[in-house]
Amino acid sequence: MKSLLRILVLLTAILISHAAALEMNHGIVFHKEGRFAGWPANGGIWNWGNEILIMHSELTYHYYPNQHSYDRSKPAHTVLSRSLDAGNTWETIRTEAFTKKDPKVLEEPMAFSNPDFGLRSRDNLFWYTDDRGHHWKGPFLFPDFGIENPLTSRTDYLIDDENTLLVFLSAKAPSVQAGLQDRAFSARTNDGGLSWEFQGWMTAYPYGVRSVMPSTVRLQDHELLSVVRRRIDAHDNEELGRLDVNWVEAEYSEDNGHNWTKQSMVAFTDISHHNGNPGALAKLSDGTLVVVYGFRGHPFGIRAKTSTDGGKTWGHEIILRDDGLVYDLGYPKAVTLPDGRVFVCYYIATPERPNQHIAYTILNP
C-alpha cells in the first residue's frame, strides 16, 4: 500500500511539474455551423509581430466515417483568417487570390527585405504578397528542377537576405513506393525568384518511403532542421485492408540545404490507416524546438514534443488536445510570437463542435 501511495505521489508531482512547465490556452479561429474548415498546412501561416494570417479551406459539411467529411458536389472556398492581436480576435474572408489559371514566369524580382513580404507555394506554383496578404501576385511557375515529375509542394521557406530565399518543396519521385511518391527537396533563389536552383533531396535511404510537407527552421548560420511527414504501407491487401505506418522525422543540413541527413525519429502520427499528419516546427529564442502534430489514432487529438539539442532527441509527448471527435484533424502550422510563445493552428472536430473547424493553441514552454 505504501508503495502504491509513493507511486501516486510521484505521478502527481510529475503532472504538476508538466503543467507548470507548459502553459497553454485554446481558442477558435474559424467555425460555422454546416461548414467544414480544414488543412492549414495545405495553405500557410504568416506572422508580422502579433499579426497572424492563416490560409485554409472552407466546404459544405457532410459526415463520412472513413474520409474527409465534406460534400464533394458543392464548391470549395479558399479562406484567409487574420488576427491583429496575437490570436485573441479574428476576421475571415474568402479569397480568389490563389487561382491556378494562367500561371506565368516571374519577370520582376521579389523583395525579400520587405518586412511585409509573404510567400505561398503549392505544387509547381507560387504567389507572393508585399502588404501582409491583403493582395497577392501570381500564380508564378517554379521550374521542374530537372526532376521531370509533378511537384507536390506546400508552403515552407526561409529568407537569407534581400535577394536570397530557400524553399522546401516536394515532387513525385519514381524511386518512392507506388502511390506514395512524394519526396521532399530544397531549392534556392539568389535573384529574387527570377531563377531557382535545386539544392538537394531532404531524405535518402530508404528511398521507397514517402517524405512530404517539410517544416523548417534555421538552427544557426548554415545549419537547418526540418521535420517531414513520412509514410509507408506495411501491406496493401484487399482482405486485410491497408495498414499504414506514419511518422514525423527530423532532417538536418549543415550546409544551408545542399546535403541532408536524418537527425531523429520524432513521433508516430497514427496507429492504423488514417494517413498520418505533418509536423509544424517552431524555434524559441533560447534555441528550444517545439514540434506539433495531429495524432490520428485513439485518442484523436493534437500533440507536441520539445528538443533542447537541435532535434537530436525529443522529450516526452505532450497532449495538447485529446478531444478530437474523429480522426480527421491536424495539419498544423506554427509561428513564434514576439513574447516567445508558440501559436499553432489546426483543424479539428469535437463533441461541442462536431463539424471540422480551425482552432488554435498558444503554448508558453
Protein backbone atom coordinates (compact mmCIF):
# COMPACT_ATOMS: atom_id res chain seq x y z
CA MET A 1 0.00 0.00 0.00
CA LYS A 2 2.83 2.39 0.87
CA SER A 3 4.49 1.63 -2.47
CA LEU A 4 1.27 2.44 -4.31
CA LEU A 5 0.96 5.73 -2.41
CA ARG A 6 4.54 6.63 -3.32
CA ILE A 7 3.78 5.97 -6.99
CA LEU A 8 0.64 8.11 -6.85
CA VAL A 9 2.52 10.96 -5.19
CA LEU A 10 5.28 10.73 -7.79
CA LEU A 11 2.80 10.73 -10.68
CA THR A 12 1.00 13.74 -9.20
CA ALA A 13 4.29 15.61 -8.87
CA ILE A 14 5.17 14.83 -12.47
CA LEU A 15 1.79 16.05 -13.72
CA ILE A 16 2.08 19.25 -11.69
CA SER A 17 5.61 19.90 -12.98
CA HIS A 18 4.48 19.36 -16.59
CA ALA A 19 1.51 21.70 -16.10
CA ALA A 20 3.82 24.35 -14.66
CA ALA A 21 6.39 23.90 -17.42
CA LEU A 22 3.96 24.16 -20.34
CA GLU A 23 1.18 26.70 -20.14
CA MET A 24 -1.39 26.59 -22.94
CA ASN A 25 -4.70 28.07 -23.93
CA HIS A 26 -7.07 27.16 -26.75
CA GLY A 27 -9.36 29.14 -28.99
CA ILE A 28 -11.30 29.21 -32.26
CA VAL A 29 -10.07 30.81 -35.47
CA PHE A 30 -13.00 29.87 -37.74
CA HIS A 31 -16.18 27.89 -37.11
CA LYS A 32 -19.53 27.92 -38.92
CA GLU A 33 -22.45 25.55 -38.50
CA GLY A 34 -22.83 23.31 -41.52
CA ARG A 35 -19.36 24.11 -42.84
CA PHE A 36 -16.16 22.07 -42.99
CA ALA A 37 -12.92 24.01 -42.46
CA GLY A 38 -9.58 22.31 -42.82
CA TRP A 39 -5.93 21.86 -43.70
CA PRO A 40 -3.96 24.97 -42.65
CA ALA A 41 -0.79 23.08 -43.62
CA ASN A 42 -2.01 22.96 -47.21
CA GLY A 43 -2.38 26.75 -47.17
CA GLY A 44 0.08 28.51 -44.92
CA ILE A 45 0.64 30.75 -41.92
CA TRP A 46 2.44 34.08 -41.79
CA ASN A 47 3.07 36.49 -38.95
CA TRP A 48 4.30 40.04 -38.68
CA GLY A 49 4.74 40.54 -34.96
CA ASN A 50 1.35 39.90 -33.36
CA GLU A 51 -0.43 39.96 -36.73
CA ILE A 52 -1.18 36.40 -37.85
CA LEU A 53 -2.58 35.32 -41.22
CA ILE A 54 -3.81 31.77 -41.87
CA MET A 55 -4.89 30.28 -45.19
CA HIS A 56 -7.28 27.32 -45.04
CA SER A 57 -10.22 25.75 -46.86
CA GLU A 58 -14.00 26.01 -46.33
CA LEU A 59 -16.50 23.50 -47.74
CA THR A 60 -20.01 22.19 -47.07
CA TYR A 61 -20.02 19.75 -44.16
CA HIS A 62 -21.25 16.20 -44.73
CA TYR A 63 -20.23 13.46 -42.35
CA TYR A 64 -18.34 10.46 -43.69
CA PRO A 65 -16.85 7.94 -41.23
CA ASN A 66 -13.77 6.99 -43.25
CA GLN A 67 -12.96 10.05 -45.34
CA HIS A 68 -12.96 13.84 -45.12
CA SER A 69 -16.43 14.99 -44.06
CA TYR A 70 -17.39 17.43 -46.81
CA ASP A 71 -19.82 17.36 -49.72
CA ARG A 72 -17.87 16.74 -52.93
CA SER A 73 -20.74 18.05 -55.05
CA LYS A 74 -20.52 21.56 -53.53
CA PRO A 75 -17.87 24.22 -54.26
CA ALA A 76 -14.77 24.67 -52.13
CA HIS A 77 -13.54 28.08 -50.98
CA THR A 78 -10.14 29.42 -50.02
CA VAL A 79 -10.24 31.43 -46.81
CA LEU A 80 -7.86 33.89 -45.16
CA SER A 81 -8.26 34.35 -41.40
CA ARG A 82 -6.42 37.29 -39.83
CA SER A 83 -5.73 38.34 -36.25
CA LEU A 84 -4.14 41.65 -35.30
CA ASP A 85 -3.82 40.81 -31.61
CA ALA A 86 -1.90 37.51 -31.42
CA GLY A 87 -4.99 35.36 -31.84
CA ASN A 88 -7.49 36.97 -29.49
CA THR A 89 -9.86 38.08 -32.27
CA TRP A 90 -10.20 37.01 -35.91
CA GLU A 91 -11.54 38.35 -39.18
CA THR A 92 -12.16 35.89 -42.02
CA ILE A 93 -12.66 36.49 -45.74
CA ARG A 94 -12.99 34.25 -48.77
CA THR A 95 -10.46 34.98 -51.46
CA GLU A 96 -9.96 34.25 -55.15
CA ALA A 97 -6.32 35.34 -55.00
CA PHE A 98 -4.93 31.83 -55.30
CA THR A 99 -6.27 30.92 -58.71
CA LYS A 100 -4.15 28.44 -60.66
CA LYS A 101 -5.24 29.82 -64.02
CA ASP A 102 -2.74 31.32 -66.47
CA PRO A 103 0.48 30.86 -64.47
CA LYS A 104 3.45 32.93 -65.64
CA VAL A 105 7.19 33.03 -65.20
CA LEU A 106 8.24 35.73 -62.74
CA GLU A 107 9.74 38.70 -64.59
CA GLU A 108 10.36 41.19 -61.78
CA PRO A 109 12.26 40.09 -58.65
CA MET A 110 10.53 39.75 -55.30
CA ALA A 111 11.84 41.97 -52.50
CA PHE A 112 12.59 39.64 -49.60
CA SER A 113 13.80 42.59 -47.49
CA ASN A 114 10.26 43.99 -47.42
CA PRO A 115 9.08 43.39 -43.83
CA ASP A 116 5.53 42.83 -45.12
CA PHE A 117 6.57 40.08 -47.56
CA GLY A 118 5.00 36.61 -47.61
CA LEU A 119 5.24 33.63 -50.00
CA ARG A 120 2.76 30.86 -50.64
CA SER A 121 3.62 27.75 -52.67
CA ARG A 122 1.50 24.81 -53.83
CA ASP A 123 2.53 22.14 -56.30
CA ASN A 124 4.51 23.87 -59.10
CA LEU A 125 3.17 27.38 -58.39
CA PHE A 126 3.89 30.24 -56.02
CA TRP A 127 2.27 33.54 -55.08
CA TYR A 128 3.66 36.41 -53.03
CA THR A 129 2.46 39.45 -51.12
CA ASP A 130 4.25 42.65 -50.19
CA ASP A 131 1.44 44.03 -47.99
CA ARG A 132 0.84 41.30 -45.39
CA GLY A 133 -1.52 39.26 -47.51
CA HIS A 134 -4.06 41.93 -48.41
CA HIS A 135 -3.09 41.49 -52.06
CA TRP A 136 -1.29 38.59 -53.74
CA LYS A 137 0.63 38.42 -57.01
CA GLY A 138 0.72 35.25 -59.07
CA PRO A 139 0.49 32.46 -59.85
CA PHE A 140 4.10 32.09 -60.96
CA LEU A 141 5.80 28.90 -62.10
CA PHE A 142 8.61 27.07 -60.37
CA PRO A 143 10.92 25.29 -62.82
CA ASP A 144 10.83 21.49 -62.95
CA PHE A 145 14.29 21.43 -61.30
CA GLY A 146 15.32 18.69 -63.70
CA ILE A 147 13.07 16.23 -61.87
CA GLU A 148 10.63 15.87 -64.81
CA ASN A 149 7.83 14.85 -62.45
CA PRO A 150 4.98 16.89 -60.97
CA LEU A 151 5.70 18.96 -57.88
CA THR A 152 3.53 18.36 -54.79
CA SER A 153 4.70 21.28 -52.66
CA ARG A 154 3.19 23.21 -49.75
CA THR A 155 4.37 26.45 -48.14
CA ASP A 156 7.73 26.36 -46.34
CA TYR A 157 10.56 28.86 -46.85
CA LEU A 158 13.38 30.77 -45.16
CA ILE A 159 14.72 34.19 -46.17
CA ASP A 160 18.51 34.58 -46.20
CA ASP A 161 18.85 38.16 -47.44
CA GLU A 162 17.14 40.70 -49.71
CA ASN A 163 17.72 38.54 -52.81
CA THR A 164 18.08 35.02 -51.41
CA LEU A 165 15.36 32.63 -50.30
CA LEU A 166 15.26 28.90 -49.61
CA VAL A 167 12.12 26.90 -50.37
CA PHE A 168 11.35 23.38 -49.24
CA LEU A 169 9.25 21.58 -51.82
CA SER A 170 8.40 18.04 -52.90
CA ALA A 171 7.93 16.09 -56.10
CA LYS A 172 6.63 12.80 -57.40
CA ALA A 173 9.79 10.71 -57.36
CA PRO A 174 9.86 7.39 -59.25
CA SER A 175 12.09 5.84 -56.58
CA VAL A 176 9.35 6.13 -53.97
CA GLN A 177 6.78 3.38 -53.34
CA ALA A 178 3.95 3.34 -55.87
CA GLY A 179 1.15 5.64 -54.77
CA LEU A 180 3.34 7.34 -52.14
CA GLN A 181 5.70 9.12 -54.49
CA ASP A 182 6.29 12.41 -52.67
CA ARG A 183 9.94 13.16 -51.93
CA ALA A 184 10.98 16.41 -50.25
CA PHE A 185 13.79 18.61 -51.55
CA SER A 186 15.24 22.07 -51.03
CA ALA A 187 15.76 24.78 -53.67
CA ARG A 188 17.21 28.28 -53.69
CA THR A 189 16.95 31.60 -55.49
CA ASN A 190 19.70 34.24 -55.37
CA ASP A 191 17.95 36.82 -57.56
CA GLY A 192 14.55 37.41 -56.01
CA GLY A 193 12.89 34.43 -57.66
CA LEU A 194 13.85 35.05 -61.27
CA SER A 195 15.77 31.78 -61.28
CA TRP A 196 15.78 28.76 -58.99
CA GLU A 197 18.41 26.11 -58.28
CA PHE A 198 17.86 22.61 -56.94
CA GLN A 199 19.75 22.18 -53.65
CA GLY A 200 19.28 18.59 -52.53
CA TRP A 201 16.88 15.80 -51.63
CA MET A 202 15.96 16.03 -47.95
CA THR A 203 15.51 12.29 -47.36
CA ALA A 204 17.67 9.43 -48.51
CA TYR A 205 17.54 5.76 -47.54
CA PRO A 206 15.05 4.13 -47.54
CA TYR A 207 14.15 5.75 -50.85
CA GLY A 208 10.82 3.95 -51.02
CA VAL A 209 9.32 5.88 -48.09
CA ARG A 210 7.21 8.95 -48.68
CA SER A 211 8.51 12.32 -47.45
CA VAL A 212 6.46 15.48 -47.86
CA MET A 213 5.33 18.75 -46.24
CA PRO A 214 8.60 19.95 -44.64
CA SER A 215 8.54 22.48 -41.79
CA THR A 216 11.96 24.09 -41.44
CA VAL A 217 13.85 26.37 -39.06
CA ARG A 218 17.37 27.74 -39.04
CA LEU A 219 19.37 26.49 -36.07
CA GLN A 220 22.30 28.84 -36.66
CA ASP A 221 24.43 30.12 -39.55
CA HIS A 222 24.14 27.46 -42.26
CA GLU A 223 22.50 24.80 -40.07
CA LEU A 224 18.89 23.86 -40.82
CA LEU A 225 16.46 21.44 -39.24
CA SER A 226 13.27 20.29 -40.94
CA VAL A 227 10.52 17.91 -39.85
CA VAL A 228 8.91 15.95 -42.69
CA ARG A 229 5.81 13.81 -42.92
CA ARG A 230 6.67 10.17 -43.70
CA ARG A 231 4.58 7.13 -44.57
CA ILE A 232 4.98 3.57 -45.74
CA ASP A 233 2.32 0.97 -46.44
CA ALA A 234 3.14 -2.06 -44.31
CA HIS A 235 0.83 -4.08 -46.54
CA ASP A 236 -1.91 -3.44 -49.05
CA ASN A 237 -4.29 -6.37 -49.09
CA GLU A 238 -7.98 -6.34 -50.00
CA GLU A 239 -8.82 -8.87 -47.30
CA LEU A 240 -6.77 -7.33 -44.51
CA GLY A 241 -7.19 -3.72 -45.55
CA ARG A 242 -4.41 -1.17 -45.80
CA LEU A 243 -2.15 -0.76 -42.77
CA ASP A 244 -0.08 2.43 -42.84
CA VAL A 245 2.91 3.34 -40.75
CA ASN A 246 3.02 7.14 -40.38
CA TRP A 247 5.51 9.29 -38.53
CA VAL A 248 7.30 12.65 -38.38
CA GLU A 249 11.06 12.64 -38.87
CA ALA A 250 13.71 15.35 -38.41
CA GLU A 251 16.25 16.05 -41.18
CA TYR A 252 19.45 18.08 -40.67
CA SER A 253 21.60 20.15 -43.03
CA GLU A 254 24.88 21.82 -42.07
CA ASP A 255 25.44 23.48 -45.45
CA ASN A 256 22.27 25.57 -45.91
CA GLY A 257 20.21 22.89 -47.57
CA HIS A 258 22.61 21.26 -50.04
CA ASN A 259 23.01 18.00 -48.16
CA TRP A 260 20.67 16.40 -45.63
CA THR A 261 20.92 13.58 -43.12
CA LYS A 262 18.36 12.02 -40.81
CA GLN A 263 18.60 13.67 -37.40
CA SER A 264 15.98 11.74 -35.45
CA MET A 265 12.66 9.98 -35.35
CA VAL A 266 10.23 12.48 -33.78
CA ALA A 267 6.86 10.78 -33.29
CA PHE A 268 4.27 8.45 -34.75
CA THR A 269 1.17 10.23 -36.04
CA ASP A 270 -1.20 7.29 -36.49
CA ILE A 271 -1.54 3.69 -35.36
CA SER A 272 -3.79 2.37 -38.12
CA HIS A 273 -4.66 3.58 -41.63
CA HIS A 274 -5.52 7.28 -41.48
CA ASN A 275 -2.55 8.62 -43.43
CA GLY A 276 -0.78 10.34 -40.55
CA ASN A 277 -0.08 14.07 -40.26
CA PRO A 278 2.61 16.65 -40.99
CA GLY A 279 4.52 18.36 -38.20
CA ALA A 280 4.76 22.09 -37.51
CA LEU A 281 8.15 23.22 -36.21
CA ALA A 282 8.91 26.40 -34.24
CA LYS A 283 12.09 27.70 -32.60
CA LEU A 284 12.19 29.67 -29.36
CA SER A 285 14.67 32.45 -28.58
CA ASP A 286 16.77 30.12 -26.39
CA GLY A 287 17.06 27.56 -29.20
CA THR A 288 14.42 25.17 -27.87
CA LEU A 289 12.47 23.50 -30.67
CA VAL A 290 8.76 22.75 -30.47
CA VAL A 291 7.07 20.39 -32.93
CA VAL A 292 3.29 19.99 -33.04
CA TYR A 293 1.38 17.32 -34.98
CA GLY A 294 -2.06 15.81 -35.29
CA PHE A 295 -2.50 12.28 -33.94
CA ARG A 296 -4.99 10.18 -35.89
CA GLY A 297 -5.09 7.21 -33.53
CA HIS A 298 -7.12 6.95 -30.33
CA PRO A 299 -7.46 9.29 -28.57
CA PHE A 300 -7.67 11.64 -31.58
CA GLY A 301 -6.04 14.98 -30.93
CA ILE A 302 -3.07 17.33 -31.15
CA ARG A 303 0.30 16.53 -29.60
CA ALA A 304 3.72 18.13 -29.21
CA LYS A 305 7.33 17.44 -28.31
CA THR A 306 10.29 19.68 -27.49
CA SER A 307 14.02 19.41 -28.11
CA THR A 308 16.89 21.29 -26.49
CA ASP A 309 19.70 19.75 -28.57
CA GLY A 310 18.84 20.79 -32.11
CA GLY A 311 16.45 17.93 -32.77
CA LYS A 312 18.83 15.09 -31.90
CA THR A 313 16.48 13.95 -29.13
CA TRP A 314 12.91 14.83 -28.19
CA GLY A 315 11.19 14.92 -24.82
CA HIS A 316 8.05 13.16 -23.68
CA GLU A 317 4.95 13.50 -25.82
CA ILE A 318 2.74 16.35 -24.59
CA ILE A 319 -1.03 16.08 -25.11
CA LEU A 320 -2.35 19.45 -26.25
CA ARG A 321 -5.78 18.15 -27.23
CA ASP A 322 -7.32 14.69 -26.79
CA ASP A 323 -10.91 15.69 -27.51
CA GLY A 324 -10.96 15.01 -31.24
CA LEU A 325 -14.31 13.52 -32.22
CA VAL A 326 -12.91 11.74 -35.29
CA TYR A 327 -9.52 11.07 -36.86
CA ASP A 328 -9.96 13.84 -39.46
CA LEU A 329 -7.90 16.58 -37.81
CA GLY A 330 -4.48 18.17 -37.59
CA TYR A 331 -2.43 19.66 -40.47
CA PRO A 332 -0.93 22.24 -38.10
CA LYS A 333 1.10 25.37 -38.85
CA ALA A 334 3.04 27.26 -36.19
CA VAL A 335 4.77 30.60 -35.61
CA THR A 336 6.68 32.09 -32.69
CA LEU A 337 5.13 35.26 -31.29
CA PRO A 338 7.17 38.32 -30.17
CA ASP A 339 6.70 37.42 -26.50
CA GLY A 340 8.22 33.96 -27.04
CA ARG A 341 5.00 31.95 -27.05
CA VAL A 342 4.24 29.48 -29.84
CA PHE A 343 0.99 29.88 -31.77
CA VAL A 344 -0.21 26.77 -33.58
CA CYS A 345 -3.38 26.35 -35.64
CA TYR A 346 -5.01 23.16 -36.92
CA TYR A 347 -8.39 21.74 -37.84
CA ILE A 348 -10.44 19.55 -35.54
CA ALA A 349 -13.97 18.31 -34.79
CA THR A 350 -15.04 17.95 -31.15
CA PRO A 351 -18.19 16.83 -29.30
CA GLU A 352 -19.05 20.50 -28.75
CA ARG A 353 -18.42 21.42 -32.41
CA PRO A 354 -18.86 18.20 -34.44
CA ASN A 355 -18.12 19.82 -37.80
CA GLN A 356 -14.46 20.44 -38.58
CA HIS A 357 -13.25 23.94 -37.75
CA ILE A 358 -9.98 25.85 -37.40
CA ALA A 359 -8.76 26.06 -33.81
CA TYR A 360 -5.57 27.23 -32.18
CA THR A 361 -3.40 26.54 -29.16
CA ILE A 362 -0.91 29.02 -27.73
CA LEU A 363 1.97 27.38 -25.86
CA ASN A 364 4.26 29.00 -23.33
CA PRO A 365 7.02 26.39 -22.81
